[in-house]
Amino acid sequence: MGESSQHGADSPPAFPKTRKSGDDMQKRTVSSSIKSPWVTESPGTKNLLLKNKEALRFLNELKNKWLIGS
């Protein structure tokens, strides 16, 4: 009886701990995958690539306008 109550008291705090560390691990892997250019499957890098394409397109348009205007 004493053991079961002790076990019951031990198990609930273990859940938030493991869950929290899991979230931290996810955050770490996501941030590291965004930094590493060879990872292409993560949504973060896809968004970055899209933003880079948009920025390049915008710069090219500016360059073309500048060349035409000059």
Protein backbone atom coordinates (compact mmCIF):
# COMPACT_ATOMS: atom_id res chain seq x y z
CA MET A 1 0.00 0.00 0.00
CA GLY A 2 2.78 2.41 0.95
CA GLU A 3 4.71 1.51 -2.22
CA SER A 4 1.76 2.05 -4.56
CA SER A 5 1.01 5.50 -3.11
CA GLN A 6 4.71 6.41 -3.40
CA HIS A 7 4.78 5.21 -7.00
CA GLY A 8 1.62 7.21 -7.72
CA ALA A 9 3.26 10.33 -6.31
CA ASP A 10 6.39 9.74 -8.42
CA SER A 11 4.74 9.12 -11.78
CA PRO A 12 2.73 12.36 -12.34
CA PRO A 13 5.73 14.77 -12.08
CA ALA A 14 7.66 12.57 -14.52
CA PHE A 15 5.24 13.34 -17.36
CA PRO A 16 5.68 17.15 -17.48
CA LYS A 17 9.45 16.69 -17.17
CA THR A 18 9.79 14.32 -20.12
CA ARG A 19 7.28 16.32 -22.14
CA LYS A 20 9.13 19.56 -21.48
CA SER A 21 12.50 18.06 -22.43
CA GLY A 22 10.87 16.66 -25.58
CA ASP A 23 9.65 20.15 -26.53
CA ASP A 24 13.13 21.54 -25.90
CA MET A 25 14.61 18.84 -28.12
CA GLN A 26 12.11 19.66 -30.87
CA LYS A 27 12.93 23.36 -30.65
CA ARG A 28 16.64 22.56 -30.79
CA THR A 29 16.33 20.29 -33.82
CA VAL A 30 14.11 22.80 -35.63
CA SER A 31 16.47 25.72 -34.99
CA SER A 32 19.52 23.66 -35.95
CA SER A 33 17.84 22.42 -39.14
CA ILE A 34 17.07 26.02 -40.14
CA LYS A 35 20.74 26.92 -39.66
CA SER A 36 22.07 23.95 -41.62
CA PRO A 37 21.70 24.51 -45.40
CA TRP A 38 21.89 20.82 -46.33
CA VAL A 39 18.55 20.10 -44.57
CA THR A 40 15.77 20.67 -47.09
CA GLU A 41 12.88 18.68 -45.62
CA SER A 42 12.07 20.85 -42.60
CA PRO A 43 9.32 23.48 -43.05
CA GLY A 44 11.57 26.17 -41.61
CA THR A 45 14.19 25.79 -44.34
CA LYS A 46 11.49 25.66 -47.03
CA ASN A 47 10.15 28.99 -45.75
CA LEU A 48 13.67 30.43 -45.73
CA LEU A 49 14.28 29.22 -49.28
CA LEU A 50 10.99 30.78 -50.40
CA LYS A 51 11.90 34.04 -48.70
CA ASN A 52 15.33 33.97 -50.37
CA LYS A 53 13.72 33.39 -53.79
CA GLU A 54 11.31 36.27 -53.19
CA ALA A 55 14.18 38.51 -52.08
CA LEU A 56 16.26 37.57 -55.13
CA ARG A 57 13.31 38.22 -57.44
CA PHE A 58 12.74 41.59 -55.76
CA LEU A 59 16.44 42.50 -56.09
CA ASN A 60 16.44 41.45 -59.75
CA GLU A 61 13.39 43.65 -60.41
CA LEU A 62 15.11 46.55 -58.66
CA LYS A 63 18.26 45.93 -60.68
CA ASN A 64 16.28 45.82 -63.93
CA LYS A 65 14.43 49.03 -63.05
CA TRP A 66 17.75 50.66 -62.17
CA LEU A 67 19.33 49.53 -65.45
CA ILE A 68 16.31 50.65 -67.49
CA GLY A 69 16.07 53.94 -65.59
CA SER A 70 19.76 54.85 -65.97
